[in-house]
Amino acid sequence: MCKPDPELKGIRGGNCNRTACQQPNAIWYNKGSFAWYCRNCAITIQRSANDYGIQCQEPPMILFENIFEPTDPRHEIYRRNR
């Protein structure tokens, strides 16, 4: 596997901002880190934020708009590119 281009990390349409991932097609914007993530990492991060909110008895932070909305067209982009 080729080493990911660091210039593309965390930018829209580039590589996922998560260092352990670096998958292409980062199309989910995180309002907390101001960076772009792939679908799988975005879901994982948002679920962690939701769990944290439940544990702390606070409303969950919405880091990724519409990540759990199945009609969001970005989910279809992910399915086509797998």
N, C-alpha and C. Protein backbone atom coordinates (compact mmCIF):
# COMPACT_ATOMS: atom_id res chain seq x y z
N MET A 1 0.83 -1.18 0.00
CA MET A 1 0.00 0.00 0.00
C MET A 1 0.88 1.25 0.00
N CYS A 2 0.48 2.23 -0.75
CA CYS A 2 1.24 3.47 -0.83
C CYS A 2 1.03 4.29 0.44
N LYS A 3 2.04 5.05 0.78
CA LYS A 3 1.94 5.94 1.93
C LYS A 3 1.03 7.11 1.56
N PRO A 4 0.07 7.46 2.43
CA PRO A 4 -0.84 8.57 2.12
C PRO A 4 -0.10 9.90 2.05
N ASP A 5 -0.58 10.76 1.19
CA ASP A 5 0.00 12.09 1.02
C ASP A 5 -0.41 12.97 2.21
N PRO A 6 0.53 13.45 3.01
CA PRO A 6 0.17 14.26 4.18
C PRO A 6 -0.53 15.57 3.80
N GLU A 7 -0.34 16.03 2.59
CA GLU A 7 -1.00 17.27 2.15
C GLU A 7 -2.52 17.08 2.02
N LEU A 8 -2.98 15.83 1.89
CA LEU A 8 -4.41 15.56 1.70
C LEU A 8 -5.12 15.22 3.01
N LYS A 9 -4.37 15.09 4.09
CA LYS A 9 -4.96 14.67 5.37
C LYS A 9 -5.92 15.72 5.91
N GLY A 10 -7.16 15.30 6.13
CA GLY A 10 -8.15 16.15 6.78
C GLY A 10 -8.76 17.23 5.93
N ILE A 11 -8.50 17.22 4.62
CA ILE A 11 -9.12 18.22 3.76
C ILE A 11 -10.31 17.60 3.03
N ARG A 12 -11.24 18.43 2.61
CA ARG A 12 -12.45 17.96 1.94
C ARG A 12 -12.10 17.17 0.68
N GLY A 13 -12.59 15.94 0.62
CA GLY A 13 -12.35 15.08 -0.52
C GLY A 13 -11.00 14.40 -0.49
N GLY A 14 -10.16 14.76 0.47
CA GLY A 14 -8.83 14.16 0.59
C GLY A 14 -8.87 12.91 1.45
N ASN A 15 -7.86 12.75 2.28
CA ASN A 15 -7.78 11.57 3.14
C ASN A 15 -8.37 11.88 4.52
N CYS A 16 -8.88 10.83 5.14
CA CYS A 16 -9.46 10.94 6.47
C CYS A 16 -8.45 11.57 7.43
N ASN A 17 -8.93 12.43 8.32
CA ASN A 17 -8.05 13.11 9.26
C ASN A 17 -7.50 12.19 10.34
N ARG A 18 -8.13 11.06 10.56
CA ARG A 18 -7.67 10.13 11.59
C ARG A 18 -6.39 9.45 11.12
N THR A 19 -5.31 9.64 11.83
CA THR A 19 -4.00 9.14 11.42
C THR A 19 -4.00 7.64 11.20
N ALA A 20 -4.71 6.90 12.02
CA ALA A 20 -4.75 5.44 11.88
C ALA A 20 -5.54 4.99 10.66
N CYS A 21 -6.27 5.88 10.02
CA CYS A 21 -7.13 5.51 8.89
C CYS A 21 -6.54 5.99 7.56
N GLN A 22 -6.62 7.30 7.32
CA GLN A 22 -6.11 7.93 6.10
C GLN A 22 -6.78 7.45 4.81
N GLN A 23 -8.01 6.93 4.90
CA GLN A 23 -8.74 6.51 3.69
C GLN A 23 -9.09 7.73 2.85
N PRO A 24 -9.18 7.56 1.53
CA PRO A 24 -9.58 8.68 0.66
C PRO A 24 -11.08 8.97 0.80
N ASN A 25 -11.52 10.01 0.15
CA ASN A 25 -12.93 10.42 0.13
C ASN A 25 -13.43 10.90 1.49
N ALA A 26 -12.67 11.75 2.13
CA ALA A 26 -13.10 12.34 3.40
C ALA A 26 -14.15 13.40 3.09
N ILE A 27 -15.42 13.06 3.32
CA ILE A 27 -16.51 13.98 2.96
C ILE A 27 -17.41 14.33 4.15
N TRP A 28 -16.99 13.98 5.36
CA TRP A 28 -17.76 14.30 6.56
C TRP A 28 -16.96 15.29 7.40
N TYR A 29 -17.51 16.48 7.59
CA TYR A 29 -16.82 17.56 8.30
C TYR A 29 -17.13 17.49 9.79
N ASN A 30 -16.09 17.54 10.60
CA ASN A 30 -16.21 17.53 12.05
C ASN A 30 -16.15 18.97 12.55
N LYS A 31 -17.26 19.42 13.13
CA LYS A 31 -17.35 20.81 13.61
C LYS A 31 -16.48 21.06 14.83
N GLY A 32 -15.99 20.02 15.47
CA GLY A 32 -15.14 20.18 16.64
C GLY A 32 -13.67 20.28 16.29
N SER A 33 -13.23 19.47 15.33
CA SER A 33 -11.81 19.48 14.96
C SER A 33 -11.54 20.29 13.70
N PHE A 34 -12.61 20.74 13.03
CA PHE A 34 -12.50 21.53 11.80
C PHE A 34 -11.74 20.77 10.72
N ALA A 35 -11.98 19.46 10.64
CA ALA A 35 -11.30 18.62 9.65
C ALA A 35 -12.31 17.63 9.05
N TRP A 36 -11.88 16.96 8.00
CA TRP A 36 -12.74 16.05 7.24
C TRP A 36 -12.35 14.60 7.50
N TYR A 37 -13.38 13.74 7.55
CA TYR A 37 -13.20 12.33 7.89
C TYR A 37 -13.94 11.43 6.90
N CYS A 38 -13.51 10.17 6.82
CA CYS A 38 -14.24 9.19 6.03
C CYS A 38 -15.51 8.80 6.79
N ARG A 39 -16.41 8.14 6.13
CA ARG A 39 -17.70 7.78 6.72
C ARG A 39 -17.53 6.91 7.97
N ASN A 40 -16.70 5.88 7.89
CA ASN A 40 -16.56 4.95 9.02
C ASN A 40 -16.01 5.65 10.26
N CYS A 41 -15.00 6.47 10.09
CA CYS A 41 -14.43 7.19 11.24
C CYS A 41 -15.42 8.22 11.77
N ALA A 42 -16.15 8.88 10.89
CA ALA A 42 -17.14 9.86 11.33
C ALA A 42 -18.20 9.20 12.20
N ILE A 43 -18.67 8.04 11.79
CA ILE A 43 -19.68 7.31 12.57
C ILE A 43 -19.10 6.91 13.92
N THR A 44 -17.88 6.39 13.93
CA THR A 44 -17.24 5.97 15.19
C THR A 44 -17.07 7.15 16.14
N ILE A 45 -16.60 8.27 15.62
CA ILE A 45 -16.37 9.46 16.45
C ILE A 45 -17.70 9.99 16.99
N GLN A 46 -18.73 10.04 16.14
CA GLN A 46 -20.03 10.55 16.59
C GLN A 46 -20.65 9.63 17.63
N ARG A 47 -20.52 8.32 17.45
CA ARG A 47 -21.04 7.38 18.45
C ARG A 47 -20.34 7.58 19.80
N SER A 48 -19.04 7.80 19.76
CA SER A 48 -18.29 8.06 21.01
C SER A 48 -18.78 9.33 21.68
N ALA A 49 -19.04 10.36 20.89
CA ALA A 49 -19.56 11.62 21.45
C ALA A 49 -20.94 11.40 22.06
N ASN A 50 -21.77 10.61 21.41
CA ASN A 50 -23.10 10.30 21.94
C ASN A 50 -22.99 9.55 23.26
N ASP A 51 -22.11 8.53 23.29
CA ASP A 51 -21.91 7.75 24.51
C ASP A 51 -21.39 8.62 25.66
N TYR A 52 -20.49 9.53 25.35
CA TYR A 52 -19.95 10.44 26.36
C TYR A 52 -21.07 11.30 26.94
N GLY A 53 -21.94 11.81 26.07
CA GLY A 53 -23.06 12.62 26.52
C GLY A 53 -23.98 11.85 27.45
N ILE A 54 -24.24 10.59 27.12
CA ILE A 54 -25.11 9.75 27.96
C ILE A 54 -24.45 9.53 29.32
N GLN A 55 -23.17 9.21 29.32
CA GLN A 55 -22.46 8.96 30.59
C GLN A 55 -22.43 10.20 31.48
N CYS A 56 -22.31 11.35 30.87
CA CYS A 56 -22.22 12.60 31.64
C CYS A 56 -23.58 13.25 31.83
N GLN A 57 -24.64 12.59 31.38
CA GLN A 57 -26.01 13.10 31.47
C GLN A 57 -26.14 14.47 30.84
N GLU A 58 -25.54 14.61 29.66
CA GLU A 58 -25.60 15.84 28.89
C GLU A 58 -26.09 15.51 27.49
N PRO A 59 -26.61 16.49 26.78
CA PRO A 59 -26.98 16.23 25.39
C PRO A 59 -25.73 15.89 24.58
N PRO A 60 -25.86 15.00 23.61
CA PRO A 60 -24.68 14.64 22.81
C PRO A 60 -24.22 15.82 21.95
N MET A 61 -22.92 15.89 21.73
CA MET A 61 -22.37 16.89 20.81
C MET A 61 -22.63 16.41 19.39
N ILE A 62 -23.16 17.25 18.56
CA ILE A 62 -23.35 16.89 17.16
C ILE A 62 -22.11 17.36 16.40
N LEU A 63 -21.21 16.42 16.14
CA LEU A 63 -19.97 16.76 15.46
C LEU A 63 -20.10 16.65 13.95
N PHE A 64 -20.91 15.71 13.49
CA PHE A 64 -21.10 15.48 12.06
C PHE A 64 -22.58 15.62 11.73
N GLU A 65 -22.93 16.66 10.99
CA GLU A 65 -24.33 16.88 10.60
C GLU A 65 -24.84 15.72 9.76
N ASN A 66 -25.98 15.20 10.10
CA ASN A 66 -26.70 14.17 9.34
C ASN A 66 -25.98 12.84 9.20
N ILE A 67 -25.01 12.54 10.06
CA ILE A 67 -24.27 11.29 9.92
C ILE A 67 -25.17 10.08 10.08
N PHE A 68 -26.23 10.17 10.86
CA PHE A 68 -27.14 9.05 11.04
C PHE A 68 -28.43 9.21 10.23
N GLU A 69 -28.44 10.13 9.30
CA GLU A 69 -29.59 10.34 8.42
C GLU A 69 -29.39 9.52 7.14
N PRO A 70 -30.13 8.42 6.98
CA PRO A 70 -29.87 7.52 5.85
C PRO A 70 -30.10 8.15 4.47
N THR A 71 -30.87 9.23 4.40
CA THR A 71 -31.12 9.84 3.10
C THR A 71 -30.05 10.85 2.69
N ASP A 72 -29.07 11.10 3.56
CA ASP A 72 -27.99 12.02 3.19
C ASP A 72 -27.24 11.44 1.99
N PRO A 73 -27.08 12.20 0.92
CA PRO A 73 -26.47 11.66 -0.31
C PRO A 73 -25.02 11.21 -0.13
N ARG A 74 -24.34 11.66 0.90
CA ARG A 74 -22.95 11.24 1.10
C ARG A 74 -22.85 9.75 1.39
N HIS A 75 -23.90 9.16 1.96
CA HIS A 75 -23.88 7.71 2.20
C HIS A 75 -23.84 6.95 0.87
N GLU A 76 -24.54 7.46 -0.12
CA GLU A 76 -24.54 6.82 -1.44
C GLU A 76 -23.17 6.93 -2.10
N ILE A 77 -22.50 8.05 -1.93
CA ILE A 77 -21.13 8.22 -2.46
C ILE A 77 -20.22 7.15 -1.86
N TYR A 78 -20.36 6.92 -0.57
CA TYR A 78 -19.56 5.89 0.11
C TYR A 78 -19.84 4.50 -0.49
N ARG A 79 -21.12 4.19 -0.68
CA ARG A 79 -21.47 2.86 -1.21
C ARG A 79 -20.93 2.66 -2.63
N ARG A 80 -20.94 3.70 -3.43
CA ARG A 80 -20.44 3.59 -4.81
C ARG A 80 -18.92 3.40 -4.85
N ASN A 81 -18.20 3.97 -3.90
CA ASN A 81 -16.74 3.95 -3.92
C ASN A 81 -16.12 2.80 -3.16
N ARG A 82 -16.91 1.90 -2.59
CA ARG A 82 -16.30 0.79 -1.86
C ARG A 82 -15.80 -0.27 -2.79
